C-alpha atoms as a PDB file:
ATOM      1  CA  MET A   1      10.984   4.641  34.970  1.00  0.00           C
ATOM      2  CA  ILE A   2      13.347   5.075  38.046  1.00  0.00           C
ATOM      3  CA  LYS A   3      11.385   7.966  38.744  1.00  0.00           C
ATOM      4  CA  PHE A   4       8.152   7.312  38.337  1.00  0.00           C
ATOM      5  CA  LEU A   5       8.778   3.921  40.472  1.00  0.00           C
ATOM      6  CA  PHE A   6      10.774   6.199  43.077  1.00  0.00           C
ATOM      7  CA  ASP A   7       7.700   8.766  43.327  1.00  0.00           C
ATOM      8  CA  ARG A   8       5.193   6.542  44.079  1.00  0.00           C
ATOM      9  CA  ILE A   9       6.956   4.254  46.357  1.00  0.00           C
ATOM     10  CA  VAL A  10       7.883   6.931  48.520  1.00  0.00           C
ATOM     11  CA  ALA A  11       4.486   9.005  48.290  1.00  0.00           C
ATOM     12  CA  LEU A  12       3.195   6.113  49.816  1.00  0.00           C
ATOM     13  CA  ILE A  13       5.557   5.094  52.492  1.00  0.00           C
ATOM     14  CA  GLY A  14       5.648   9.154  53.305  1.00  0.00           C
ATOM     15  CA  ILE A  15       1.734   9.304  53.913  1.00  0.00           C
ATOM     16  CA  ILE A  16       1.810   6.103  55.672  1.00  0.00           C
ATOM     17  CA  ILE A  17       4.198   7.005  57.774  1.00  0.00           C
ATOM     18  CA  LEU A  18       2.959  10.835  58.351  1.00  0.00           C
ATOM     19  CA  LEU A  19      -0.999  10.130  58.082  1.00  0.00           C
ATOM     20  CA  PRO A  20      -1.292  10.491  62.101  1.00  0.00           C
ATOM     21  CA  LEU A  21       0.202  13.644  61.483  1.00  0.00           C
ATOM     22  CA  LEU A  22      -1.845  14.801  58.649  1.00  0.00           C
ATOM     23  CA  PHE A  23      -5.075  13.756  60.670  1.00  0.00           C
ATOM     24  CA  ILE A  24      -4.011  16.179  63.211  1.00  0.00           C
ATOM     25  CA  ILE A  25      -3.115  18.968  61.245  1.00  0.00           C
ATOM     26  CA  ALA A  26      -6.542  18.777  59.328  1.00  0.00           C
ATOM     27  CA  ILE A  27      -8.417  18.824  62.605  1.00  0.00           C
ATOM     28  CA  TRP A  28      -6.596  22.085  63.480  1.00  0.00           C
ATOM     29  CA  VAL A  29      -7.276  23.550  60.290  1.00  0.00           C
ATOM     30  CA  MET A  30     -10.544  23.172  60.889  1.00  0.00           C
ATOM     31  CA  PHE A  31     -11.261  24.184  64.166  1.00  0.00           C
ATOM     32  CA  ASP A  32      -8.994  27.684  63.436  1.00  0.00           C
ATOM     33  CA  SER A  33     -11.287  28.745  61.252  1.00  0.00           C
ATOM     34  CA  LYS A  34     -14.622  27.962  59.012  1.00  0.00           C
ATOM     35  CA  GLY A  35     -14.370  25.779  56.290  1.00  0.00           C
ATOM     36  CA  GLY A  36     -13.167  22.396  55.490  1.00  0.00           C
ATOM     37  CA  ALA A  37      -8.970  20.852  56.062  1.00  0.00           C
ATOM     38  CA  PHE A  38      -8.067  21.238  52.462  1.00  0.00           C
ATOM     39  CA  PHE A  39      -8.313  23.305  49.389  1.00  0.00           C
ATOM     40  CA  VAL A  40      -8.450  21.792  46.185  1.00  0.00           C
ATOM     41  CA  GLN A  41      -7.118  24.284  43.349  1.00  0.00           C
ATOM     42  CA  THR A  42      -7.251  23.592  39.199  1.00  0.00           C
ATOM     43  CA  ARG A  43      -3.651  23.342  38.156  1.00  0.00           C
ATOM     44  CA  VAL A  44      -1.970  22.988  34.690  1.00  0.00           C
ATOM     45  CA  GLY A  45       0.482  19.516  34.901  1.00  0.00           C
ATOM     46  CA  LYS A  46       1.667  17.318  32.680  1.00  0.00           C
ATOM     47  CA  ASP A  47       0.815  17.918  28.460  1.00  0.00           C
ATOM     48  CA  GLY A  48      -1.630  20.715  29.554  1.00  0.00           C
ATOM     49  CA  GLN A  49      -4.156  18.267  31.692  1.00  0.00           C
ATOM     50  CA  HIS A  50      -5.681  19.969  34.514  1.00  0.00           C
ATOM     51  CA  PHE A  51      -5.806  18.273  37.685  1.00  0.00           C
ATOM     52  CA  GLY A  52      -6.795  19.175  41.154  1.00  0.00           C
ATOM     53  CA  LEU A  53      -3.867  19.913  43.261  1.00  0.00           C
ATOM     54  CA  LEU A  54      -4.207  19.504  47.092  1.00  0.00           C
ATOM     55  CA  LYS A  55      -3.188  21.437  49.798  1.00  0.00           C
ATOM     56  CA  PHE A  56      -3.836  21.902  53.459  1.00  0.00           C
ATOM     57  CA  ARG A  57      -6.397  24.925  53.918  1.00  0.00           C
ATOM     58  CA  THR A  58      -4.529  28.345  54.633  1.00  0.00           C
ATOM     59  CA  MET A  59      -6.644  31.067  53.897  1.00  0.00           C
ATOM     60  CA  ARG A  60     -10.517  31.465  54.622  1.00  0.00           C
ATOM     61  CA  PRO A  61     -13.058  30.379  52.831  1.00  0.00           C
ATOM     62  CA  LEU A  62     -13.996  32.026  48.655  1.00  0.00           C
ATOM     63  CA  SER A  63     -10.867  33.837  49.427  1.00  0.00           C
ATOM     64  CA  GLU A  64      -9.488  32.966  46.065  1.00  0.00           C
ATOM     65  CA  LYS A  65     -12.181  35.498  44.714  1.00  0.00           C
ATOM     66  CA  ARG A  66      -9.960  37.785  45.782  1.00  0.00           C
ATOM     67  CA  GLY A  67      -6.976  37.000  43.958  1.00  0.00           C
ATOM     68  CA  LYS A  68      -4.880  34.005  43.528  1.00  0.00           C
ATOM     69  CA  LEU A  69      -1.513  35.327  44.494  1.00  0.00           C
ATOM     70  CA  THR A  70      -0.960  35.221  48.211  1.00  0.00           C
ATOM     71  CA  VAL A  71       1.194  38.815  48.910  1.00  0.00           C
ATOM     72  CA  GLY A  72       3.008  38.027  52.083  1.00  0.00           C
ATOM     73  CA  SER A  73       2.514  36.899  56.069  1.00  0.00           C
ATOM     74  CA  ASN A  74      -0.095  40.197  56.652  1.00  0.00           C
ATOM     75  CA  ASP A  75      -2.647  38.992  53.701  1.00  0.00           C
ATOM     76  CA  PRO A  76      -5.352  39.233  55.603  1.00  0.00           C
ATOM     77  CA  ARG A  77      -7.077  36.073  53.748  1.00  0.00           C
ATOM     78  CA  ILE A  78      -4.831  33.758  56.001  1.00  0.00           C
ATOM     79  CA  THR A  79      -6.190  31.966  58.721  1.00  0.00           C
ATOM     80  CA  ARG A  80      -3.475  31.728  62.166  1.00  0.00           C
ATOM     81  CA  SER A  81      -2.920  28.223  61.479  1.00  0.00           C
ATOM     82  CA  GLY A  82      -2.326  28.664  57.970  1.00  0.00           C
ATOM     83  CA  LEU A  83       0.412  31.261  58.846  1.00  0.00           C
ATOM     84  CA  ILE A  84       2.187  28.327  60.220  1.00  0.00           C
ATOM     85  CA  LEU A  85       1.657  25.929  57.470  1.00  0.00           C
ATOM     86  CA  ARG A  86       2.517  28.462  54.917  1.00  0.00           C
ATOM     87  CA  LYS A  87       5.831  29.371  56.880  1.00  0.00           C
ATOM     88  CA  TYR A  88       6.904  25.280  57.073  1.00  0.00           C
ATOM     89  CA  LYS A  89       5.584  24.547  53.812  1.00  0.00           C
ATOM     90  CA  ILE A  90       3.895  21.897  55.528  1.00  0.00           C
ATOM     91  CA  ASP A  91       0.231  23.224  53.592  1.00  0.00           C
ATOM     92  CA  GLU A  92       1.994  21.341  50.749  1.00  0.00           C
ATOM     93  CA  LEU A  93       2.497  17.920  52.034  1.00  0.00           C
ATOM     94  CA  PRO A  94      -1.111  16.618  51.033  1.00  0.00           C
ATOM     95  CA  GLN A  95       0.203  16.515  47.556  1.00  0.00           C
ATOM     96  CA  LEU A  96       2.145  13.566  48.661  1.00  0.00           C
ATOM     97  CA  PHE A  97      -1.765  11.892  47.604  1.00  0.00           C
ATOM     98  CA  ASN A  98      -1.010  13.992  43.963  1.00  0.00           C
ATOM     99  CA  VAL A  99       2.449  11.876  43.594  1.00  0.00           C
ATOM    100  CA  LEU A 100       0.990   8.835  44.416  1.00  0.00           C
ATOM    101  CA  VAL A 101      -1.574   9.052  41.588  1.00  0.00           C
ATOM    102  CA  ALA A 102       0.761  10.535  39.338  1.00  0.00           C
ATOM    103  CA  ASP A 103      -0.786  14.159  38.920  1.00  0.00           C
ATOM    104  CA  MET A 104       2.680  15.087  40.037  1.00  0.00           C
ATOM    105  CA  SER A 105       6.160  14.204  40.424  1.00  0.00           C
ATOM    106  CA  PHE A 106       8.490  15.141  43.923  1.00  0.00           C
ATOM    107  CA  VAL A 107      10.757  16.812  41.429  1.00  0.00           C
ATOM    108  CA  GLY A 108       9.613  18.673  38.773  1.00  0.00           C
ATOM    109  CA  PRO A 109       7.963  22.792  37.438  1.00  0.00           C
ATOM    110  CA  ARG A 110       5.940  23.933  40.054  1.00  0.00           C
ATOM    111  CA  PRO A 111       2.253  23.307  38.368  1.00  0.00           C
ATOM    112  CA  GLU A 112       0.319  27.148  37.725  1.00  0.00           C
ATOM    113  CA  VAL A 113      -3.142  28.061  37.280  1.00  0.00           C
ATOM    114  CA  PRO A 114      -4.758  28.135  34.083  1.00  0.00           C
ATOM    115  CA  ASP A 115      -5.097  31.637  34.178  1.00  0.00           C
ATOM    116  CA  TYR A 116      -1.259  32.326  34.383  1.00  0.00           C
ATOM    117  CA  VAL A 117      -0.500  29.630  31.678  1.00  0.00           C
ATOM    118  CA  ALA A 118      -2.091  31.299  29.696  1.00  0.00           C
ATOM    119  CA  PHE A 119       0.322  33.906  29.299  1.00  0.00           C
ATOM    120  CA  TYR A 120       2.781  31.601  28.295  1.00  0.00           C
ATOM    121  CA  ASN A 121       4.747  31.789  24.594  1.00  0.00           C
ATOM    122  CA  ALA A 122       5.268  28.421  22.724  1.00  0.00           C
ATOM    123  CA  ARG A 123       8.702  27.950  24.439  1.00  0.00           C
ATOM    124  CA  GLN A 124       7.831  28.613  27.733  1.00  0.00           C
ATOM    125  CA  ARG A 125       5.317  26.176  27.547  1.00  0.00           C
ATOM    126  CA  LYS A 126       7.568  23.271  27.408  1.00  0.00           C
ATOM    127  CA  VAL A 127       7.594  22.968  31.157  1.00  0.00           C
ATOM    128  CA  LEU A 128       4.348  21.305  30.268  1.00  0.00           C
ATOM    129  CA  ASN A 129       6.284  18.408  28.500  1.00  0.00           C
ATOM    130  CA  VAL A 130       7.372  16.781  32.114  1.00  0.00           C
ATOM    131  CA  ARG A 131       5.007  15.745  35.231  1.00  0.00           C
ATOM    132  CA  PRO A 132       5.193  18.968  37.601  1.00  0.00           C
ATOM    133  CA  GLY A 133       6.885  18.664  40.941  1.00  0.00           C
ATOM    134  CA  ILE A 134       6.213  19.871  44.391  1.00  0.00           C
ATOM    135  CA  THR A 135       9.597  21.459  44.376  1.00  0.00           C
ATOM    136  CA  ASP A 136      12.025  22.973  41.802  1.00  0.00           C
ATOM    137  CA  GLU A 137      14.838  24.885  41.347  1.00  0.00           C
ATOM    138  CA  ALA A 138      12.806  27.698  41.160  1.00  0.00           C
ATOM    139  CA  SER A 139      11.074  27.310  44.310  1.00  0.00           C
ATOM    140  CA  LEU A 140      14.332  26.978  46.042  1.00  0.00           C
ATOM    141  CA  ALA A 141      15.357  30.597  44.427  1.00  0.00           C
ATOM    142  CA  TYR A 142      12.114  32.381  45.304  1.00  0.00           C
ATOM    143  CA  PHE A 143      11.213  30.368  48.416  1.00  0.00           C
ATOM    144  CA  ASN A 144      10.293  33.283  49.627  1.00  0.00           C
ATOM    145  CA  GLU A 145       7.968  34.706  46.634  1.00  0.00           C
ATOM    146  CA  ASN A 146       5.178  35.593  48.424  1.00  0.00           C
ATOM    147  CA  GLU A 147       7.042  38.564  50.782  1.00  0.00           C
ATOM    148  CA  LEU A 148       8.706  39.655  47.663  1.00  0.00           C
ATOM    149  CA  LEU A 149       5.035  40.125  46.003  1.00  0.00           C
ATOM    150  CA  SER A 150       4.184  42.035  49.441  1.00  0.00           C
ATOM    151  CA  LYS A 151       6.621  44.703  48.568  1.00  0.00           C
ATOM    152  CA  SER A 152       4.968  45.204  44.967  1.00  0.00           C
ATOM    153  CA  GLU A 153       2.423  48.181  44.146  1.00  0.00           C
ATOM    154  CA  ASN A 154       1.360  45.918  41.393  1.00  0.00           C
ATOM    155  CA  PRO A 155       1.762  42.323  42.713  1.00  0.00           C
ATOM    156  CA  GLN A 156      -0.020  40.487  40.015  1.00  0.00           C
ATOM    157  CA  LYS A 157       1.892  42.220  37.341  1.00  0.00           C
ATOM    158  CA  THR A 158       5.278  42.030  39.299  1.00  0.00           C
ATOM    159  CA  TYR A 159       4.598  38.055  38.898  1.00  0.00           C
ATOM    160  CA  LEU A 160       3.495  37.793  35.530  1.00  0.00           C
ATOM    161  CA  GLU A 161       6.414  40.050  34.496  1.00  0.00           C
ATOM    162  CA  GLU A 162       9.444  39.432  36.301  1.00  0.00           C
ATOM    163  CA  ILE A 163       8.833  36.290  38.612  1.00  0.00           C
ATOM    164  CA  MET A 164       6.998  34.167  36.490  1.00  0.00           C
ATOM    165  CA  PRO A 165       9.355  34.353  33.540  1.00  0.00           C
ATOM    166  CA  ALA A 166      12.251  34.404  35.658  1.00  0.00           C
ATOM    167  CA  LYS A 167      10.914  30.834  37.837  1.00  0.00           C
ATOM    168  CA  ILE A 168      10.338  29.494  33.769  1.00  0.00           C
ATOM    169  CA  GLU A 169      13.583  30.352  32.893  1.00  0.00           C
ATOM    170  CA  LEU A 170      14.900  27.954  36.112  1.00  0.00           C
ATOM    171  CA  ASN A 171      12.652  25.151  34.755  1.00  0.00           C
ATOM    172  CA  LEU A 172      13.774  25.009  31.483  1.00  0.00           C
ATOM    173  CA  ALA A 173      17.455  24.853  32.146  1.00  0.00           C
ATOM    174  CA  TYR A 174      16.579  22.230  34.697  1.00  0.00           C
ATOM    175  CA  LEU A 175      14.910  19.799  32.266  1.00  0.00           C
ATOM    176  CA  LYS A 176      17.659  20.235  29.833  1.00  0.00           C
ATOM    177  CA  ARG A 177      20.365  18.320  32.275  1.00  0.00           C
ATOM    178  CA  ARG A 178      17.865  17.029  34.926  1.00  0.00           C
ATOM    179  CA  THR A 179      18.635  13.372  36.486  1.00  0.00           C
ATOM    180  CA  PHE A 180      17.681  11.785  39.033  1.00  0.00           C
ATOM    181  CA  LEU A 181      20.410  11.968  40.835  1.00  0.00           C
ATOM    182  CA  SER A 182      20.272  15.921  40.628  1.00  0.00           C
ATOM    183  CA  ASP A 183      16.526  15.435  41.220  1.00  0.00           C
ATOM    184  CA  ILE A 184      17.493  14.151  45.016  1.00  0.00           C
ATOM    185  CA  GLY A 185      19.769  16.748  45.280  1.00  0.00           C
ATOM    186  CA  ILE A 186      17.135  18.952  44.768  1.00  0.00           C
ATOM    187  CA  ILE A 187      14.642  17.257  47.657  1.00  0.00           C
ATOM    188  CA  LEU A 188      17.239  17.498  50.026  1.00  0.00           C
ATOM    189  CA  ARG A 189      18.211  21.245  49.348  1.00  0.00           C
ATOM    190  CA  THR A 190      14.363  21.866  49.799  1.00  0.00           C
ATOM    191  CA  LEU A 191      14.479  19.862  52.758  1.00  0.00           C
ATOM    192  CA  GLY A 192      17.646  21.973  54.458  1.00  0.00           C
ATOM    193  CA  ARG A 193      16.031  25.195  53.354  1.00  0.00           C
ATOM    194  CA  ILE A 194      12.425  24.640  55.589  1.00  0.00           C
ATOM    195  CA  VAL A 195      14.721  23.075  58.731  1.00  0.00           C
ATOM    196  CA  SER A 196      16.674  26.021  58.638  1.00  0.00           C
END
């Protein structure tokens, strides 16, 4: 209950404080390239329920048809504004709205797309027992995931066979020892990593 109230209250405060900045970024994204300011992608949340994860658009329209993985800063689908938004994780800010409506939490296993969740085994699906998060231990461990994928000859295979299973293991370990204080620690470490 503490975590639930914390998420809702902090998300609301964050939205109110950041609203002018969110508005400016939205205009910048729309002027930088054709398309809207936001990108909504179907992800799998708690208990396997699908929801629309909200981000600032960082790629050109219809880019998802060429693959769901982003392979580094040299990915030609990424816009000029998108490079900066991705580098500092600013594209994730709209997910405050996902937290506000209880689709997500600040800390929890990052939600995956349905196509990749289909590869989960029964043990791995335990990460779907909790509300997904904006950040988690796996996000910190694979902070430069896109750059790692850019070095792979087969990014999708590398993700499905190496990175995704490793991230799930980190999340399963998190579920066994998570506390409200440990969540605060992950939030602070995430902010520190972005700033550094």
